Amino acid sequence: MNTDDRFIDLEIKLAMQEDLLDTLNRTVYEQSRRIDQLEAMLAKLAEHVQNNAHSGPGTILNERPPHY
């Protein structure tokens, strides 16, 4: 194997590693964005639960009173 072939092999490997790194970076970015979305949803859910804590266990929300 001559020097030119070795350089070509190294360039190919480097290009493949750069592509893999770009893919991993995109994956990490997308997961980070999704985690942010899930944290926001969790905060809203916690707020909803706290705001409705007065209804007590077993109480159905928006239940019609018995006189209707």
N, C-alpha and C. Protein backbone atom coordinates (compact mmCIF):
# COMPACT_ATOMS: atom_id res chain seq x y z
N MET A 1 0.86 -1.18 0.00
CA MET A 1 0.00 0.00 0.00
C MET A 1 0.90 1.24 0.00
N ASN A 2 0.71 2.10 -0.98
CA ASN A 2 1.56 3.27 -1.07
C ASN A 2 0.99 4.41 -0.22
N THR A 3 1.70 5.48 -0.16
CA THR A 3 1.34 6.63 0.68
C THR A 3 0.02 7.25 0.24
N ASP A 4 -0.19 7.36 -1.05
CA ASP A 4 -1.44 7.96 -1.54
C ASP A 4 -2.65 7.14 -1.11
N ASP A 5 -2.55 5.84 -1.19
CA ASP A 5 -3.66 4.97 -0.77
C ASP A 5 -3.93 5.13 0.73
N ARG A 6 -2.87 5.25 1.50
CA ARG A 6 -3.02 5.41 2.95
C ARG A 6 -3.72 6.74 3.26
N PHE A 7 -3.34 7.79 2.54
CA PHE A 7 -3.99 9.09 2.75
C PHE A 7 -5.47 9.04 2.36
N ILE A 8 -5.76 8.36 1.27
CA ILE A 8 -7.14 8.23 0.83
C ILE A 8 -7.95 7.48 1.88
N ASP A 9 -7.40 6.39 2.41
CA ASP A 9 -8.09 5.64 3.47
C ASP A 9 -8.32 6.50 4.71
N LEU A 10 -7.32 7.29 5.08
CA LEU A 10 -7.47 8.17 6.24
C LEU A 10 -8.53 9.24 5.98
N GLU A 11 -8.57 9.79 4.78
CA GLU A 11 -9.57 10.80 4.44
C GLU A 11 -10.98 10.20 4.47
N ILE A 12 -11.11 8.97 4.00
CA ILE A 12 -12.41 8.30 4.03
C ILE A 12 -12.85 8.08 5.47
N LYS A 13 -11.95 7.60 6.30
CA LYS A 13 -12.28 7.37 7.71
C LYS A 13 -12.64 8.68 8.41
N LEU A 14 -11.91 9.74 8.11
CA LEU A 14 -12.19 11.04 8.71
C LEU A 14 -13.57 11.55 8.28
N ALA A 15 -13.89 11.39 7.02
CA ALA A 15 -15.20 11.83 6.52
C ALA A 15 -16.32 11.04 7.20
N MET A 16 -16.11 9.75 7.38
CA MET A 16 -17.13 8.92 8.04
C MET A 16 -17.28 9.33 9.51
N GLN A 17 -16.18 9.65 10.17
CA GLN A 17 -16.24 10.09 11.56
C GLN A 17 -16.93 11.45 11.68
N GLU A 18 -16.68 12.34 10.74
CA GLU A 18 -17.36 13.64 10.76
C GLU A 18 -18.86 13.47 10.57
N ASP A 19 -19.25 12.57 9.68
CA ASP A 19 -20.67 12.31 9.46
C ASP A 19 -21.30 11.73 10.72
N LEU A 20 -20.61 10.79 11.35
CA LEU A 20 -21.12 10.20 12.59
C LEU A 20 -21.25 11.26 13.68
N LEU A 21 -20.28 12.13 13.79
CA LEU A 21 -20.32 13.19 14.80
C LEU A 21 -21.49 14.14 14.54
N ASP A 22 -21.73 14.50 13.29
CA ASP A 22 -22.88 15.35 12.95
C ASP A 22 -24.19 14.66 13.32
N THR A 23 -24.29 13.37 13.04
CA THR A 23 -25.50 12.62 13.38
C THR A 23 -25.71 12.59 14.88
N LEU A 24 -24.65 12.34 15.64
CA LEU A 24 -24.75 12.32 17.09
C LEU A 24 -25.12 13.69 17.65
N ASN A 25 -24.56 14.74 17.08
CA ASN A 25 -24.89 16.09 17.53
C ASN A 25 -26.37 16.41 17.29
N ARG A 26 -26.88 16.02 16.13
CA ARG A 26 -28.31 16.23 15.84
C ARG A 26 -29.18 15.46 16.81
N THR A 27 -28.79 14.23 17.11
CA THR A 27 -29.55 13.40 18.04
C THR A 27 -29.57 14.02 19.43
N VAL A 28 -28.43 14.48 19.89
CA VAL A 28 -28.35 15.11 21.22
C VAL A 28 -29.20 16.37 21.24
N TYR A 29 -29.15 17.17 20.19
CA TYR A 29 -29.95 18.39 20.12
C TYR A 29 -31.44 18.07 20.17
N GLU A 30 -31.87 17.09 19.38
CA GLU A 30 -33.29 16.72 19.35
C GLU A 30 -33.73 16.17 20.70
N GLN A 31 -32.90 15.37 21.34
CA GLN A 31 -33.25 14.83 22.66
C GLN A 31 -33.32 15.95 23.69
N SER A 32 -32.42 16.89 23.61
CA SER A 32 -32.45 18.02 24.54
C SER A 32 -33.71 18.83 24.37
N ARG A 33 -34.10 19.08 23.13
CA ARG A 33 -35.34 19.80 22.85
C ARG A 33 -36.55 19.05 23.38
N ARG A 34 -36.57 17.74 23.19
CA ARG A 34 -37.68 16.92 23.67
C ARG A 34 -37.72 16.91 25.20
N ILE A 35 -36.58 16.85 25.85
CA ILE A 35 -36.54 16.90 27.31
C ILE A 35 -37.11 18.22 27.80
N ASP A 36 -36.76 19.32 27.13
CA ASP A 36 -37.32 20.63 27.50
C ASP A 36 -38.85 20.62 27.38
N GLN A 37 -39.36 20.04 26.30
CA GLN A 37 -40.81 19.95 26.11
C GLN A 37 -41.46 19.13 27.22
N LEU A 38 -40.84 18.00 27.55
CA LEU A 38 -41.40 17.13 28.58
C LEU A 38 -41.36 17.79 29.95
N GLU A 39 -40.29 18.54 30.22
CA GLU A 39 -40.21 19.26 31.50
C GLU A 39 -41.31 20.32 31.60
N ALA A 40 -41.59 20.99 30.50
CA ALA A 40 -42.66 22.00 30.49
C ALA A 40 -44.01 21.32 30.72
N MET A 41 -44.23 20.19 30.07
CA MET A 41 -45.48 19.46 30.26
C MET A 41 -45.62 18.98 31.71
N LEU A 42 -44.53 18.52 32.28
CA LEU A 42 -44.55 18.05 33.65
C LEU A 42 -44.86 19.18 34.62
N ALA A 43 -44.29 20.36 34.36
CA ALA A 43 -44.57 21.51 35.21
C ALA A 43 -46.05 21.89 35.14
N LYS A 44 -46.62 21.86 33.93
CA LYS A 44 -48.05 22.17 33.78
C LYS A 44 -48.91 21.12 34.49
N LEU A 45 -48.52 19.87 34.38
CA LEU A 45 -49.26 18.81 35.05
C LEU A 45 -49.19 18.96 36.56
N ALA A 46 -48.02 19.27 37.09
CA ALA A 46 -47.86 19.47 38.53
C ALA A 46 -48.71 20.65 39.00
N GLU A 47 -48.74 21.72 38.20
CA GLU A 47 -49.56 22.88 38.55
C GLU A 47 -51.04 22.51 38.53
N HIS A 48 -51.45 21.74 37.55
CA HIS A 48 -52.84 21.31 37.44
C HIS A 48 -53.23 20.45 38.65
N VAL A 49 -52.36 19.53 39.01
CA VAL A 49 -52.64 18.67 40.15
C VAL A 49 -52.73 19.49 41.43
N GLN A 50 -51.82 20.43 41.59
CA GLN A 50 -51.82 21.27 42.80
C GLN A 50 -53.08 22.14 42.84
N ASN A 51 -53.47 22.70 41.72
CA ASN A 51 -54.67 23.55 41.68
C ASN A 51 -55.94 22.76 41.95
N ASN A 52 -55.93 21.49 41.64
CA ASN A 52 -57.12 20.67 41.82
C ASN A 52 -57.02 19.76 43.05
N ALA A 53 -56.06 20.02 43.90
CA ALA A 53 -55.89 19.19 45.10
C ALA A 53 -57.06 19.34 46.05
N HIS A 54 -57.75 20.49 46.01
CA HIS A 54 -58.88 20.73 46.91
C HIS A 54 -60.07 19.83 46.62
N SER A 55 -60.10 19.24 45.42
CA SER A 55 -61.25 18.41 45.06
C SER A 55 -61.24 17.07 45.80
N GLY A 56 -60.11 16.69 46.34
CA GLY A 56 -60.02 15.48 47.16
C GLY A 56 -59.98 14.21 46.34
N PRO A 57 -59.58 13.14 46.98
CA PRO A 57 -59.48 11.86 46.25
C PRO A 57 -60.87 11.33 45.90
N GLY A 58 -60.97 10.75 44.76
CA GLY A 58 -62.23 10.15 44.34
C GLY A 58 -63.23 11.13 43.76
N THR A 59 -62.95 12.42 43.77
CA THR A 59 -63.86 13.41 43.23
C THR A 59 -63.63 13.53 41.73
N ILE A 60 -64.68 13.48 40.99
CA ILE A 60 -64.59 13.63 39.54
C ILE A 60 -64.66 15.11 39.21
N LEU A 61 -63.70 15.59 38.45
CA LEU A 61 -63.70 17.00 38.06
C LEU A 61 -64.86 17.29 37.14
N ASN A 62 -65.43 18.46 37.27
CA ASN A 62 -66.55 18.91 36.45
C ASN A 62 -67.79 18.03 36.61
N GLU A 63 -67.94 17.42 37.75
CA GLU A 63 -69.12 16.59 38.01
C GLU A 63 -70.30 17.51 38.29
N ARG A 64 -71.46 17.19 37.72
CA ARG A 64 -72.67 17.99 37.94
C ARG A 64 -73.20 17.74 39.36
N PRO A 65 -73.63 18.79 40.00
CA PRO A 65 -74.22 18.61 41.33
C PRO A 65 -75.47 17.73 41.26
N PRO A 66 -75.83 17.08 42.38
CA PRO A 66 -76.95 16.14 42.35
C PRO A 66 -78.31 16.78 42.05
N HIS A 67 -78.49 18.08 42.26
CA HIS A 67 -79.80 18.70 42.02
C HIS A 67 -80.08 18.98 40.55
N TYR A 68 -79.18 18.64 39.63
CA TYR A 68 -79.43 18.82 38.20
C TYR A 68 -80.05 17.61 37.62
